[in-house]
Amino acid sequence: MSTPSPQETAAAGPESQAPAAAGRQDTAGLGRDDVAHLARLARLALTDEELDHFAGQLSAVLDAVAEVGKADVGDVPPMTHAVPLTNVTREDVVMPSLPRDVVLGQAPAAEDDRFRVPQILGEEE
């Protein structure tokens, strides 16, 4: 059996559209009905086996997130990144490169010592 389409769900009437919390178990995770609801919203057709499988997986993920949420972070200052960011640029040094004629010789089209590219904006030359 697959998850009904949004059209099938709407045709069944409002009594068939239970709130997402109805499928929840006693964990912080998602129940089978929650996964079915999310699948309908995402317009995914899931089999009964897939609903059960994904409900278990998503519950495990949400339980892990809930565990992290229990951490005592009262003395941790707010930050935007876990590690300080540093700008790792190098000096802009002129170095030898390939000769222009070699590079342009490999190009599909060249004109006036430059790459020739198709016109894209409809501009006049």
N, C-alpha and C. Protein backbone atom coordinates (compact mmCIF):
# COMPACT_ATOMS: atom_id res chain seq x y z
N MET A 1 0.85 -1.18 0.00
CA MET A 1 0.00 0.00 0.00
C MET A 1 0.89 1.23 0.00
N SER A 2 0.54 2.21 -0.77
CA SER A 2 1.34 3.42 -0.84
C SER A 2 0.59 4.58 -0.18
N THR A 3 1.34 5.64 0.09
CA THR A 3 0.78 6.83 0.69
C THR A 3 -0.15 7.51 -0.30
N PRO A 4 -1.34 7.92 0.12
CA PRO A 4 -2.27 8.58 -0.81
C PRO A 4 -1.72 9.91 -1.29
N SER A 5 -2.13 10.27 -2.50
CA SER A 5 -1.71 11.55 -3.06
C SER A 5 -2.45 12.67 -2.35
N PRO A 6 -1.99 13.93 -2.49
CA PRO A 6 -2.70 15.05 -1.87
C PRO A 6 -4.15 15.15 -2.34
N GLN A 7 -4.41 14.80 -3.60
CA GLN A 7 -5.77 14.86 -4.11
C GLN A 7 -6.64 13.79 -3.43
N GLU A 8 -6.09 12.59 -3.24
CA GLU A 8 -6.83 11.52 -2.58
C GLU A 8 -7.11 11.88 -1.12
N THR A 9 -6.13 12.50 -0.48
CA THR A 9 -6.30 12.91 0.91
C THR A 9 -7.40 13.96 1.03
N ALA A 10 -7.41 14.95 0.13
CA ALA A 10 -8.42 16.01 0.18
C ALA A 10 -9.80 15.43 -0.12
N ALA A 11 -9.88 14.45 -1.02
CA ALA A 11 -11.16 13.86 -1.37
C ALA A 11 -11.73 13.03 -0.22
N ALA A 12 -10.85 12.52 0.64
CA ALA A 12 -11.31 11.68 1.76
C ALA A 12 -11.98 12.51 2.84
N GLY A 13 -11.74 13.80 2.85
CA GLY A 13 -12.40 14.66 3.83
C GLY A 13 -11.51 15.01 5.00
N PRO A 14 -11.90 16.02 5.79
CA PRO A 14 -11.06 16.49 6.88
C PRO A 14 -10.92 15.48 8.00
N GLU A 15 -11.88 14.55 8.17
CA GLU A 15 -11.77 13.60 9.27
C GLU A 15 -10.61 12.64 9.07
N SER A 16 -10.14 12.45 7.81
CA SER A 16 -9.02 11.54 7.56
C SER A 16 -7.68 12.23 7.75
N GLN A 17 -7.68 13.53 7.93
CA GLN A 17 -6.45 14.27 8.09
C GLN A 17 -6.18 14.51 9.57
N ALA A 18 -5.67 13.48 10.22
CA ALA A 18 -5.37 13.58 11.65
C ALA A 18 -4.16 14.47 11.85
N PRO A 19 -4.08 15.16 12.98
CA PRO A 19 -2.90 15.98 13.23
C PRO A 19 -1.66 15.10 13.32
N ALA A 20 -0.52 15.71 13.05
CA ALA A 20 0.72 14.95 13.01
C ALA A 20 1.03 14.30 14.35
N ALA A 21 0.62 14.88 15.44
CA ALA A 21 0.95 14.34 16.76
C ALA A 21 0.25 13.01 17.03
N ALA A 22 -0.79 12.68 16.29
CA ALA A 22 -1.52 11.45 16.54
C ALA A 22 -0.65 10.22 16.34
N GLY A 23 0.36 10.28 15.47
CA GLY A 23 1.20 9.13 15.21
C GLY A 23 2.41 9.04 16.10
N ARG A 24 2.58 9.95 17.02
CA ARG A 24 3.76 9.97 17.86
C ARG A 24 3.71 8.90 18.92
N GLN A 25 4.87 8.39 19.18
CA GLN A 25 5.00 7.45 20.28
C GLN A 25 5.49 8.24 21.48
N ASP A 26 5.96 7.56 22.51
CA ASP A 26 6.40 8.25 23.71
C ASP A 26 7.80 8.84 23.58
N THR A 27 8.43 8.72 22.44
CA THR A 27 9.76 9.26 22.25
C THR A 27 9.67 10.64 21.61
N ALA A 28 10.81 11.29 21.50
CA ALA A 28 10.85 12.59 20.83
C ALA A 28 10.79 12.41 19.33
N GLY A 29 10.85 11.17 18.86
CA GLY A 29 10.89 10.89 17.43
C GLY A 29 9.53 11.00 16.77
N LEU A 30 9.52 10.59 15.53
CA LEU A 30 8.30 10.62 14.74
C LEU A 30 7.66 9.24 14.71
N GLY A 31 6.35 9.21 14.73
CA GLY A 31 5.63 7.96 14.59
C GLY A 31 5.34 7.69 13.12
N ARG A 32 4.80 6.55 12.87
CA ARG A 32 4.48 6.13 11.50
C ARG A 32 3.52 7.11 10.84
N ASP A 33 2.51 7.58 11.59
CA ASP A 33 1.55 8.54 11.02
C ASP A 33 2.20 9.87 10.69
N ASP A 34 3.17 10.28 11.51
CA ASP A 34 3.90 11.51 11.21
C ASP A 34 4.67 11.39 9.91
N VAL A 35 5.33 10.25 9.73
CA VAL A 35 6.10 10.03 8.50
C VAL A 35 5.15 9.99 7.30
N ALA A 36 3.99 9.37 7.46
CA ALA A 36 3.00 9.34 6.37
C ALA A 36 2.54 10.75 6.04
N HIS A 37 2.33 11.57 7.07
CA HIS A 37 1.92 12.96 6.85
C HIS A 37 3.01 13.73 6.11
N LEU A 38 4.26 13.58 6.55
CA LEU A 38 5.37 14.26 5.87
C LEU A 38 5.51 13.77 4.44
N ALA A 39 5.31 12.49 4.22
CA ALA A 39 5.40 11.95 2.86
C ALA A 39 4.31 12.55 1.98
N ARG A 40 3.12 12.71 2.53
CA ARG A 40 2.05 13.34 1.75
C ARG A 40 2.41 14.78 1.41
N LEU A 41 2.95 15.51 2.38
CA LEU A 41 3.34 16.90 2.12
C LEU A 41 4.42 16.98 1.05
N ALA A 42 5.34 16.02 1.07
CA ALA A 42 6.43 16.00 0.10
C ALA A 42 6.03 15.29 -1.19
N ARG A 43 4.78 14.83 -1.24
CA ARG A 43 4.26 14.11 -2.40
C ARG A 43 5.10 12.89 -2.73
N LEU A 44 5.45 12.14 -1.68
CA LEU A 44 6.20 10.89 -1.83
C LEU A 44 5.26 9.72 -1.62
N ALA A 45 5.34 8.75 -2.45
CA ALA A 45 4.55 7.53 -2.29
C ALA A 45 5.42 6.50 -1.58
N LEU A 46 5.11 6.22 -0.32
CA LEU A 46 5.89 5.27 0.47
C LEU A 46 5.05 4.04 0.77
N THR A 47 5.70 2.89 0.74
CA THR A 47 5.01 1.65 1.11
C THR A 47 4.93 1.56 2.63
N ASP A 48 4.14 0.62 3.13
CA ASP A 48 4.03 0.42 4.58
C ASP A 48 5.39 0.09 5.18
N GLU A 49 6.16 -0.73 4.47
CA GLU A 49 7.49 -1.09 4.98
C GLU A 49 8.40 0.14 5.06
N GLU A 50 8.32 1.00 4.04
CA GLU A 50 9.14 2.21 4.05
C GLU A 50 8.71 3.15 5.17
N LEU A 51 7.41 3.26 5.41
CA LEU A 51 6.94 4.12 6.50
C LEU A 51 7.50 3.64 7.83
N ASP A 52 7.43 2.33 8.07
CA ASP A 52 7.96 1.78 9.32
C ASP A 52 9.48 2.00 9.41
N HIS A 53 10.17 1.75 8.32
CA HIS A 53 11.62 1.89 8.29
C HIS A 53 12.03 3.34 8.56
N PHE A 54 11.42 4.28 7.84
CA PHE A 54 11.77 5.69 8.00
C PHE A 54 11.35 6.23 9.36
N ALA A 55 10.24 5.76 9.89
CA ALA A 55 9.82 6.20 11.22
C ALA A 55 10.87 5.84 12.25
N GLY A 56 11.41 4.64 12.15
CA GLY A 56 12.48 4.23 13.08
C GLY A 56 13.73 5.07 12.92
N GLN A 57 14.12 5.29 11.68
CA GLN A 57 15.33 6.08 11.43
C GLN A 57 15.17 7.52 11.89
N LEU A 58 14.05 8.14 11.53
CA LEU A 58 13.84 9.53 11.92
C LEU A 58 13.70 9.67 13.43
N SER A 59 13.09 8.71 14.08
CA SER A 59 12.98 8.74 15.53
C SER A 59 14.36 8.69 16.17
N ALA A 60 15.24 7.85 15.63
CA ALA A 60 16.60 7.75 16.17
C ALA A 60 17.34 9.08 16.02
N VAL A 61 17.17 9.73 14.88
CA VAL A 61 17.82 11.03 14.66
C VAL A 61 17.27 12.07 15.62
N LEU A 62 15.95 12.14 15.76
CA LEU A 62 15.36 13.14 16.65
C LEU A 62 15.68 12.86 18.11
N ASP A 63 15.78 11.60 18.49
CA ASP A 63 16.19 11.26 19.86
C ASP A 63 17.62 11.73 20.12
N ALA A 64 18.50 11.56 19.13
CA ALA A 64 19.89 12.02 19.28
C ALA A 64 19.95 13.53 19.39
N VAL A 65 19.14 14.23 18.61
CA VAL A 65 19.10 15.69 18.69
C VAL A 65 18.57 16.13 20.05
N ALA A 66 17.58 15.42 20.57
CA ALA A 66 17.03 15.74 21.89
C ALA A 66 18.09 15.55 22.97
N GLU A 67 18.92 14.53 22.83
CA GLU A 67 20.01 14.31 23.80
C GLU A 67 20.99 15.48 23.78
N VAL A 68 21.33 15.94 22.59
CA VAL A 68 22.25 17.08 22.47
C VAL A 68 21.61 18.31 23.10
N GLY A 69 20.31 18.45 22.93
CA GLY A 69 19.59 19.60 23.49
C GLY A 69 19.59 19.62 25.01
N LYS A 70 19.86 18.49 25.65
CA LYS A 70 19.90 18.42 27.11
C LYS A 70 21.22 18.91 27.70
N ALA A 71 22.21 19.17 26.85
CA ALA A 71 23.53 19.59 27.33
C ALA A 71 23.43 20.92 28.07
N ASP A 72 24.21 21.03 29.14
CA ASP A 72 24.25 22.27 29.91
C ASP A 72 25.16 23.26 29.18
N VAL A 73 24.57 24.26 28.57
CA VAL A 73 25.34 25.24 27.80
C VAL A 73 25.21 26.64 28.38
N GLY A 74 24.84 26.71 29.63
CA GLY A 74 24.65 28.01 30.27
C GLY A 74 25.90 28.87 30.30
N ASP A 75 27.07 28.23 30.40
CA ASP A 75 28.31 29.00 30.48
C ASP A 75 29.03 29.08 29.13
N VAL A 76 28.39 28.65 28.06
CA VAL A 76 28.99 28.71 26.73
C VAL A 76 28.53 30.00 26.04
N PRO A 77 29.47 30.84 25.63
CA PRO A 77 29.07 32.09 24.97
C PRO A 77 28.49 31.82 23.60
N PRO A 78 27.53 32.63 23.18
CA PRO A 78 26.96 32.46 21.83
C PRO A 78 28.04 32.67 20.78
N MET A 79 27.97 31.90 19.71
CA MET A 79 28.96 32.03 18.64
C MET A 79 28.31 31.68 17.31
N THR A 80 28.93 32.13 16.24
CA THR A 80 28.42 31.80 14.92
C THR A 80 29.08 30.56 14.34
N HIS A 81 30.28 30.23 14.81
CA HIS A 81 31.01 29.06 14.32
C HIS A 81 31.66 28.35 15.50
N ALA A 82 31.82 27.06 15.37
CA ALA A 82 32.42 26.28 16.46
C ALA A 82 33.90 26.57 16.62
N VAL A 83 34.57 26.96 15.56
CA VAL A 83 35.99 27.29 15.62
C VAL A 83 36.18 28.68 15.04
N PRO A 84 37.20 29.39 15.50
CA PRO A 84 37.42 30.73 14.95
C PRO A 84 37.74 30.66 13.46
N LEU A 85 37.22 31.62 12.72
CA LEU A 85 37.51 31.69 11.29
C LEU A 85 38.68 32.62 11.06
N THR A 86 39.58 32.18 10.20
CA THR A 86 40.70 33.04 9.83
C THR A 86 40.74 33.10 8.31
N ASN A 87 41.18 34.22 7.80
CA ASN A 87 41.30 34.41 6.38
C ASN A 87 42.64 33.82 5.94
N VAL A 88 42.60 32.79 5.13
CA VAL A 88 43.83 32.11 4.73
C VAL A 88 44.16 32.43 3.28
N THR A 89 44.43 33.68 3.01
CA THR A 89 44.79 34.08 1.66
C THR A 89 46.31 34.12 1.55
N ARG A 90 46.77 34.07 0.34
CA ARG A 90 48.20 34.15 0.09
C ARG A 90 48.51 35.47 -0.58
N GLU A 91 49.74 35.80 -0.61
CA GLU A 91 50.17 37.00 -1.31
C GLU A 91 49.82 36.88 -2.78
N ASP A 92 49.41 37.97 -3.39
CA ASP A 92 49.10 38.00 -4.80
C ASP A 92 50.40 38.27 -5.54
N VAL A 93 51.03 37.20 -6.02
CA VAL A 93 52.33 37.30 -6.67
C VAL A 93 52.18 36.93 -8.14
N VAL A 94 52.75 37.76 -9.01
CA VAL A 94 52.71 37.47 -10.43
C VAL A 94 53.67 36.33 -10.70
N MET A 95 53.15 35.29 -11.36
CA MET A 95 53.96 34.12 -11.67
C MET A 95 53.83 33.82 -13.16
N PRO A 96 54.81 33.15 -13.72
CA PRO A 96 54.72 32.81 -15.14
C PRO A 96 53.54 31.87 -15.39
N SER A 97 52.92 32.03 -16.54
CA SER A 97 51.81 31.17 -16.90
C SER A 97 52.02 30.70 -18.34
N LEU A 98 51.03 30.01 -18.87
CA LEU A 98 51.15 29.51 -20.24
C LEU A 98 51.16 30.68 -21.22
N PRO A 99 51.88 30.50 -22.31
CA PRO A 99 51.88 31.55 -23.34
C PRO A 99 50.48 31.70 -23.94
N ARG A 100 50.12 32.91 -24.29
CA ARG A 100 48.79 33.22 -24.81
C ARG A 100 48.47 32.40 -26.05
N ASP A 101 49.42 32.26 -26.96
CA ASP A 101 49.13 31.52 -28.20
C ASP A 101 48.86 30.04 -27.92
N VAL A 102 49.48 29.46 -26.90
CA VAL A 102 49.21 28.06 -26.54
C VAL A 102 47.80 27.92 -25.98
N VAL A 103 47.43 28.82 -25.11
CA VAL A 103 46.10 28.76 -24.49
C VAL A 103 45.02 28.99 -25.54
N LEU A 104 45.18 30.03 -26.35
CA LEU A 104 44.17 30.32 -27.36
C LEU A 104 44.13 29.25 -28.45
N GLY A 105 45.24 28.55 -28.65
CA GLY A 105 45.27 27.46 -29.61
C GLY A 105 44.39 26.29 -29.17
N GLN A 106 44.13 26.16 -27.88
CA GLN A 106 43.29 25.09 -27.35
C GLN A 106 41.82 25.50 -27.27
N ALA A 107 41.53 26.77 -27.47
CA ALA A 107 40.16 27.27 -27.36
C ALA A 107 39.34 26.88 -28.57
N PRO A 108 38.02 26.67 -28.40
CA PRO A 108 37.16 26.37 -29.56
C PRO A 108 37.14 27.50 -30.57
N ALA A 109 37.22 28.74 -30.07
CA ALA A 109 37.24 29.90 -30.97
C ALA A 109 38.01 31.03 -30.31
N ALA A 110 38.82 31.72 -31.11
CA ALA A 110 39.58 32.86 -30.60
C ALA A 110 39.51 33.98 -31.62
N GLU A 111 39.60 35.22 -31.10
CA GLU A 111 39.54 36.38 -31.99
C GLU A 111 40.25 37.54 -31.29
N ASP A 112 41.15 38.23 -31.99
CA ASP A 112 41.88 39.38 -31.45
C ASP A 112 42.59 39.04 -30.14
N ASP A 113 43.26 37.91 -30.09
CA ASP A 113 44.00 37.45 -28.90
C ASP A 113 43.11 37.28 -27.67
N ARG A 114 41.86 36.93 -27.89
CA ARG A 114 40.92 36.67 -26.79
C ARG A 114 40.08 35.46 -27.14
N PHE A 115 39.44 34.88 -26.10
CA PHE A 115 38.48 33.81 -26.32
C PHE A 115 37.24 34.39 -27.00
N ARG A 116 36.72 33.70 -27.99
CA ARG A 116 35.47 34.12 -28.62
C ARG A 116 34.36 33.27 -28.01
N VAL A 117 33.36 33.94 -27.48
CA VAL A 117 32.22 33.25 -26.87
C VAL A 117 30.94 33.69 -27.55
N PRO A 118 29.91 32.86 -27.52
CA PRO A 118 28.64 33.26 -28.16
C PRO A 118 28.03 34.47 -27.47
N GLN A 119 27.39 35.28 -28.27
CA GLN A 119 26.69 36.45 -27.74
C GLN A 119 25.46 35.97 -26.98
N ILE A 120 25.24 36.50 -25.77
CA ILE A 120 24.12 36.01 -24.97
C ILE A 120 23.09 37.09 -24.64
N LEU A 121 23.43 38.33 -24.75
CA LEU A 121 22.52 39.39 -24.33
C LEU A 121 21.86 40.10 -25.49
N GLY A 122 22.14 39.71 -26.71
CA GLY A 122 21.52 40.37 -27.85
C GLY A 122 22.07 41.75 -28.11
N GLU A 123 23.29 42.01 -27.67
CA GLU A 123 23.91 43.31 -27.86
C GLU A 123 24.46 43.42 -29.28
N GLU A 124 24.48 44.62 -29.77
CA GLU A 124 25.10 44.89 -31.07
C GLU A 124 26.58 45.06 -30.87
N GLU A 125 27.34 44.65 -31.85
CA GLU A 125 28.81 44.80 -31.73
C GLU A 125 29.26 46.16 -32.16
